[in-house]
Protein backbone atom coordinates (compact mmCIF):
# COMPACT_ATOMS: atom_id res chain seq x y z
CA MET A 1 -82.64 -8.43 -69.08
CA ALA A 2 -84.88 -8.27 -66.03
CA ARG A 3 -84.22 -10.72 -63.23
CA GLY A 4 -87.77 -12.14 -63.31
CA HIS A 5 -87.52 -12.80 -66.99
CA CYS A 6 -84.23 -14.67 -66.53
CA GLU A 7 -85.72 -16.80 -63.76
CA PHE A 8 -88.67 -17.69 -66.00
CA ARG A 9 -86.32 -18.79 -68.81
CA TYR A 10 -84.28 -20.87 -66.36
CA VAL A 11 -87.38 -22.58 -65.02
CA MET A 12 -88.60 -23.44 -68.53
CA PHE A 13 -85.16 -24.75 -69.52
CA ALA A 14 -85.02 -26.94 -66.41
CA ALA A 15 -88.51 -28.28 -67.06
CA GLY A 16 -87.51 -29.17 -70.60
CA VAL A 17 -84.42 -31.03 -69.40
CA LEU A 18 -86.48 -32.98 -66.85
CA CYS A 19 -89.08 -33.87 -69.48
CA LEU A 20 -86.38 -35.10 -71.87
CA PHE A 21 -84.77 -37.11 -69.07
CA ALA A 22 -88.09 -38.73 -68.13
CA THR A 23 -88.77 -39.62 -71.79
CA ASN A 24 -85.35 -41.29 -72.11
CA VAL A 25 -85.94 -43.24 -68.89
CA ARG A 26 -89.31 -44.52 -70.13
CA ALA A 27 -87.78 -45.55 -73.46
CA GLN A 28 -84.98 -47.44 -71.70
CA GLN A 29 -87.47 -49.17 -69.42
CA ALA A 30 -89.59 -50.19 -72.41
CA GLN A 31 -86.52 -51.64 -74.13
CA SER A 32 -85.34 -53.51 -71.06
CA SER A 33 -88.76 -54.86 -70.03
CA PRO A 34 -89.74 -58.15 -71.67
CA ALA A 35 -92.74 -57.95 -74.00
CA THR A 36 -95.95 -59.45 -72.68
CA PRO A 37 -96.34 -62.82 -74.41
CA ALA A 38 -99.24 -63.02 -76.83
CA ALA A 39 -102.13 -65.19 -75.75
CA PRO A 40 -102.20 -68.54 -77.59
CA PRO A 41 -104.87 -68.80 -80.29
CA PRO A 42 -108.07 -70.55 -79.22
CA THR A 43 -108.30 -74.27 -79.85
CA PRO A 44 -110.56 -75.39 -82.70
CA GLN A 45 -113.08 -76.55 -80.11
CA ALA A 46 -113.08 -73.14 -78.39
CA ALA A 47 -113.21 -71.34 -81.75
CA ALA A 48 -116.23 -73.28 -83.05
CA PRO A 49 -118.76 -70.81 -84.51
CA GLU A 50 -121.60 -73.18 -83.62
CA ASP A 51 -122.15 -76.18 -81.35
CA PHE A 52 -122.40 -79.21 -83.63
CA THR A 53 -122.38 -81.77 -80.82
CA GLY A 54 -125.33 -83.95 -79.91
CA TYR A 55 -127.57 -86.55 -81.52
CA TRP A 56 -129.07 -86.00 -84.97
CA VAL A 57 -131.36 -87.93 -87.31
CA ALA A 58 -131.47 -87.74 -91.11
CA VAL A 59 -134.72 -86.23 -92.36
CA ILE A 60 -135.47 -87.79 -95.74
CA THR A 61 -138.06 -85.79 -97.68
CA GLU A 62 -136.44 -86.03 -101.11
CA ASP A 63 -134.69 -88.72 -103.19
CA TRP A 64 -136.70 -91.26 -101.20
CA ARG A 65 -136.31 -94.00 -103.83
CA PHE A 66 -132.52 -93.68 -103.72
CA ARG A 67 -132.11 -93.29 -99.96
CA MET A 68 -134.84 -95.35 -98.28
CA VAL A 69 -134.94 -98.24 -100.72
CA THR A 70 -132.33 -99.85 -102.92
CA PRO A 71 -132.96 -98.59 -106.45
CA PRO A 72 -132.87 -101.13 -109.27
CA LYS A 73 -129.59 -101.97 -110.91
CA GLY A 74 -128.99 -99.49 -113.72
CA ASP A 75 -130.98 -96.65 -112.10
CA PHE A 76 -128.36 -93.88 -112.06
CA ALA A 77 -130.66 -90.83 -112.25
CA SER A 78 -129.00 -87.48 -111.37
CA VAL A 79 -125.50 -88.95 -110.96
CA PRO A 80 -123.09 -87.58 -113.62
CA LEU A 81 -121.43 -90.89 -114.50
CA ASN A 82 -118.96 -91.09 -117.37
CA PRO A 83 -118.80 -94.22 -119.55
CA GLU A 84 -116.35 -95.95 -117.21
CA GLY A 85 -118.56 -95.17 -114.22
CA THR A 86 -121.64 -96.48 -116.03
CA LYS A 87 -119.82 -99.68 -116.92
CA ALA A 88 -118.70 -100.22 -113.32
CA ALA A 89 -122.20 -99.54 -111.97
CA ASN A 90 -123.73 -102.02 -114.40
CA GLN A 91 -121.39 -104.70 -113.04
CA TRP A 92 -122.71 -104.33 -109.48
CA ASP A 93 -123.44 -107.70 -107.90
CA GLN A 94 -124.74 -107.70 -104.33
CA ALA A 95 -123.93 -111.36 -103.76
CA LYS A 96 -120.30 -110.85 -104.81
CA ASP A 97 -119.92 -107.90 -102.42
CA ILE A 98 -121.22 -109.95 -99.52
CA ALA A 99 -119.06 -112.97 -100.41
CA ALA A 100 -115.98 -110.74 -100.59
CA GLY A 101 -116.72 -109.07 -97.24
CA GLU A 102 -117.32 -105.77 -99.05
CA GLN A 103 -120.82 -105.09 -97.72
CA CYS A 104 -119.57 -101.75 -96.33
CA ARG A 105 -119.02 -100.27 -99.80
CA ALA A 106 -122.20 -98.21 -99.46
CA PHE A 107 -121.18 -97.06 -95.96
CA GLY A 108 -118.03 -95.12 -96.88
CA ALA A 109 -117.77 -91.34 -96.49
CA GLY A 110 -118.87 -90.78 -100.10
CA GLY A 111 -122.29 -92.37 -99.61
CA ILE A 112 -123.17 -92.92 -95.96
CA MET A 113 -124.33 -89.37 -95.19
CA ARG A 114 -127.27 -89.83 -97.60
CA MET A 115 -128.48 -92.98 -95.86
CA PRO A 116 -131.17 -93.31 -93.18
CA ILE A 117 -128.79 -92.68 -90.28
CA ARG A 118 -128.42 -91.16 -86.86
CA LEU A 119 -125.32 -89.23 -85.84
CA HIS A 120 -123.61 -88.73 -82.53
CA ILE A 121 -121.19 -85.81 -82.72
CA ALA A 122 -118.72 -85.01 -79.91
CA TRP A 123 -115.20 -83.67 -79.46
CA GLN A 124 -112.65 -86.47 -79.25
CA ASP A 125 -110.07 -83.86 -78.20
CA ASP A 126 -109.80 -80.10 -78.66
CA LYS A 127 -108.56 -80.51 -82.26
CA THR A 128 -110.63 -83.48 -83.45
CA LEU A 129 -114.39 -83.66 -83.94
CA ARG A 130 -115.78 -87.20 -83.84
CA MET A 131 -118.91 -88.27 -85.71
CA GLU A 132 -120.34 -91.70 -84.93
CA ILE A 133 -122.86 -93.10 -87.41
CA ASP A 134 -125.23 -95.81 -86.25
CA ASN A 135 -126.04 -97.45 -89.59
CA GLY A 136 -122.90 -99.40 -90.44
CA ASN A 137 -121.27 -98.56 -87.09
CA GLN A 138 -118.93 -96.10 -88.78
CA VAL A 139 -116.82 -93.29 -87.27
CA ARG A 140 -115.68 -90.14 -89.05
CA LEU A 141 -112.93 -87.96 -87.57
CA PHE A 142 -112.56 -84.31 -88.59
CA HIS A 143 -108.96 -83.22 -88.02
CA PHE A 144 -108.37 -79.50 -87.37
CA ASP A 145 -104.71 -80.09 -86.54
CA LYS A 146 -102.75 -79.32 -89.71
CA ALA A 147 -99.98 -81.62 -88.49
CA ALA A 148 -102.33 -84.63 -88.45
CA GLN A 149 -101.29 -87.31 -90.91
CA PRO A 150 -103.60 -89.47 -93.04
CA PRO A 151 -103.58 -93.23 -92.50
CA ALA A 152 -101.04 -95.33 -94.36
CA LYS A 153 -103.86 -97.21 -96.09
CA PRO A 154 -107.19 -95.88 -97.33
CA ASP A 155 -110.25 -96.76 -95.27
CA TRP A 156 -114.01 -96.38 -95.63
CA GLN A 157 -114.17 -92.95 -93.99
CA GLY A 158 -110.89 -91.66 -95.39
CA PHE A 159 -109.01 -88.72 -93.89
CA SER A 160 -110.95 -85.49 -93.29
CA ALA A 161 -108.98 -82.25 -92.92
CA ALA A 162 -111.25 -79.68 -91.25
CA ALA A 163 -111.40 -75.92 -90.71
CA TRP A 164 -113.92 -73.33 -89.53
CA GLU A 165 -115.30 -70.83 -92.02
CA THR A 166 -117.77 -68.00 -91.56
CA VAL A 167 -120.44 -67.71 -94.21
CA GLY A 168 -119.09 -65.97 -97.29
CA GLN A 169 -115.42 -66.70 -96.66
CA GLY A 170 -115.18 -70.00 -98.46
CA GLU A 171 -113.55 -70.43 -101.83
CA GLY A 172 -115.03 -72.62 -104.53
CA MET A 173 -118.31 -74.13 -103.42
CA ALA A 174 -120.11 -71.70 -101.12
CA PRO A 175 -121.31 -72.80 -97.68
CA ALA A 176 -124.96 -73.68 -97.31
CA ALA A 177 -126.22 -70.11 -97.21
CA ASN A 178 -129.56 -70.92 -98.84
CA ASN A 179 -131.37 -73.53 -96.82
CA ASN A 180 -134.82 -72.97 -98.28
CA ARG A 181 -134.37 -76.10 -100.39
CA ARG A 182 -136.86 -78.75 -101.34
CA GLY A 183 -137.77 -80.45 -98.09
CA GLY A 184 -135.41 -78.33 -96.01
CA PRO A 185 -135.95 -75.84 -93.20
CA GLY A 186 -135.85 -72.10 -93.73
CA PRO A 187 -132.97 -70.53 -91.78
CA ASN A 188 -133.42 -68.19 -88.86
CA SER A 189 -129.74 -68.24 -87.98
CA LEU A 190 -126.61 -69.34 -89.82
CA SER A 191 -123.22 -67.97 -88.85
CA GLY A 192 -120.44 -70.46 -89.48
CA SER A 193 -119.51 -73.64 -91.30
CA LEU A 194 -117.40 -76.68 -90.65
CA LYS A 195 -115.51 -77.25 -93.90
CA SER A 196 -113.88 -80.62 -94.48
CA VAL A 197 -111.98 -82.15 -97.38
CA THR A 198 -111.85 -85.94 -97.32
CA THR A 199 -109.29 -88.02 -99.23
CA LYS A 200 -107.72 -91.49 -98.83
CA MET A 201 -111.10 -93.23 -99.14
CA ARG A 202 -111.48 -96.85 -100.11
CA PRO A 203 -113.51 -97.26 -103.31
CA GLY A 204 -117.19 -97.29 -102.42
CA TYR A 205 -120.72 -96.62 -103.61
CA LEU A 206 -122.61 -93.34 -103.86
CA ARG A 207 -125.81 -95.37 -103.63
CA ARG A 208 -126.69 -98.88 -102.54
CA ASN A 209 -127.14 -100.11 -106.12
CA GLY A 210 -123.45 -99.97 -106.94
CA ILE A 211 -122.91 -96.43 -108.30
CA PRO A 212 -119.16 -96.18 -107.76
CA TYR A 213 -116.61 -93.70 -106.55
CA SER A 214 -112.92 -94.49 -106.76
CA GLY A 215 -110.00 -94.23 -104.39
CA ASP A 216 -109.04 -91.00 -106.16
CA ALA A 217 -112.29 -89.27 -105.19
CA VAL A 218 -112.21 -86.05 -103.13
CA LEU A 219 -115.18 -85.21 -100.93
CA THR A 220 -115.69 -81.55 -99.94
CA GLU A 221 -118.33 -80.82 -97.31
CA PHE A 222 -119.79 -77.80 -95.51
CA LEU A 223 -121.75 -78.49 -92.33
CA ASP A 224 -123.97 -75.73 -90.93
CA ARG A 225 -126.25 -75.46 -87.92
CA THR A 226 -129.47 -73.49 -88.21
CA THR A 227 -132.79 -72.94 -86.45
CA GLY A 228 -136.00 -73.88 -88.22
CA PRO A 229 -139.34 -72.03 -88.25
CA ASN A 230 -140.57 -73.89 -85.16
CA ASN A 231 -137.32 -73.35 -83.21
CA GLU A 232 -136.10 -76.85 -84.01
CA THR A 233 -132.37 -77.26 -84.59
CA TRP A 234 -130.98 -78.57 -87.87
CA LEU A 235 -127.69 -79.54 -89.41
CA ILE A 236 -127.41 -78.90 -93.14
CA LEU A 237 -124.70 -80.73 -95.06
CA THR A 238 -123.71 -79.45 -98.49
CA SER A 239 -121.33 -81.84 -100.20
CA SER A 240 -119.49 -82.23 -103.47
CA LEU A 241 -117.72 -85.41 -104.55
CA ASP A 242 -115.19 -85.03 -107.34
CA ASP A 243 -114.04 -88.23 -109.04
CA PRO A 244 -112.42 -87.88 -112.48
CA LYS A 245 -112.30 -91.66 -112.84
CA TYR A 246 -116.06 -92.21 -112.75
CA LEU A 247 -117.80 -88.81 -112.95
CA THR A 248 -118.03 -86.16 -115.65
CA MET A 249 -118.44 -83.41 -113.03
CA PRO A 250 -118.68 -83.14 -109.22
CA PHE A 251 -121.74 -84.75 -107.66
CA PHE A 252 -123.54 -82.18 -105.45
CA VAL A 253 -126.13 -83.01 -102.78
CA THR A 254 -127.65 -81.28 -99.75
CA THR A 255 -128.72 -83.35 -96.75
CA HIS A 256 -130.65 -82.38 -93.61
CA TYR A 257 -130.44 -83.67 -90.04
CA LYS A 258 -132.68 -82.73 -87.13
CA LYS A 259 -131.45 -82.61 -83.55
CA GLU A 260 -132.81 -85.18 -81.12
CA PRO A 261 -133.17 -84.63 -77.36
CA ASP A 262 -130.93 -87.54 -76.42
CA GLY A 263 -129.32 -90.73 -77.68
CA SER A 264 -132.15 -93.10 -76.80
CA LYS A 265 -132.73 -93.95 -80.49
CA PHE A 266 -129.05 -94.15 -81.43
CA SER A 267 -128.33 -97.83 -82.08
CA PRO A 268 -124.99 -98.68 -83.77
CA ARG A 269 -125.05 -101.79 -85.93
CA PRO A 270 -122.66 -103.37 -88.44
CA CYS A 271 -122.89 -102.80 -92.19
CA GLU A 272 -125.87 -104.86 -93.24
CA ALA A 273 -126.11 -106.46 -96.62
CA THR A 274 -127.67 -104.15 -99.19
CA MET A 275 -131.44 -104.32 -98.84
CA PRO A 276 -133.20 -106.10 -101.72
CA VAL A 277 -134.62 -103.86 -104.38
CA GLY A 278 -137.90 -102.30 -103.26
CA VAL A 279 -137.46 -103.04 -99.54
CA THR A 280 -137.64 -99.99 -97.30
CA VAL A 281 -134.73 -99.41 -94.95
CA PRO A 282 -136.01 -99.06 -91.35
CA LEU A 283 -135.08 -95.79 -89.65
CA GLU A 284 -136.88 -96.03 -86.31
């Protein structure tokens, strides 16, 4: 074998040994070096698909006679009451509610969002969204922390477990993807929903005239932010209340809120006595 050929083979063999040695060294270094810790997941506040904070006013362009005035006793139109629910609603007595200190029955989570109200939404902490409601001076808390525990006793606003969902990911009732509803704005943008499931509610009223929901009711809500045709900002709430005690099927409603520039019109006040039948509830 020629000398040059032998030298070439020796050089190639040496290069192979060095390459193998370098590979082993890199593998040992990778095994001995600690792995870079994964970044913590974003907080629910940081992960919010939309900014729901600010001041909002209910825009009532439908169901006026149920929302702006107290409908007559026995007017249960569009509510799927079963016989027990109808019986309970027919026993409504405004004077008895007031005497018993139960004038907030219409201001619980199951009914208050349909009232003439203003909202102030802000983050209480990075895992809890706080919604203050002026009419009735009520506060709803939306808990994103899965470790959060419901109260020992039911209360008017119950316990709301919350999560973010992008449109199309939800199971069961779909998020409010179609906002071209009667009286509602047409969407120019809609990218994510706040989903909440509320339990542990005190028995209350779906409407001011005594239409009941029980302590076993479950309220499922999707809250979306969208931009209207004139660049105004809206919140659209799609809700479903399921109550096997009083309803034959879930009660679905869609409610609209328009953003206000500031809180100058936000005026918290205690639960007032139910307005007499035919009297308009002031909003301004």
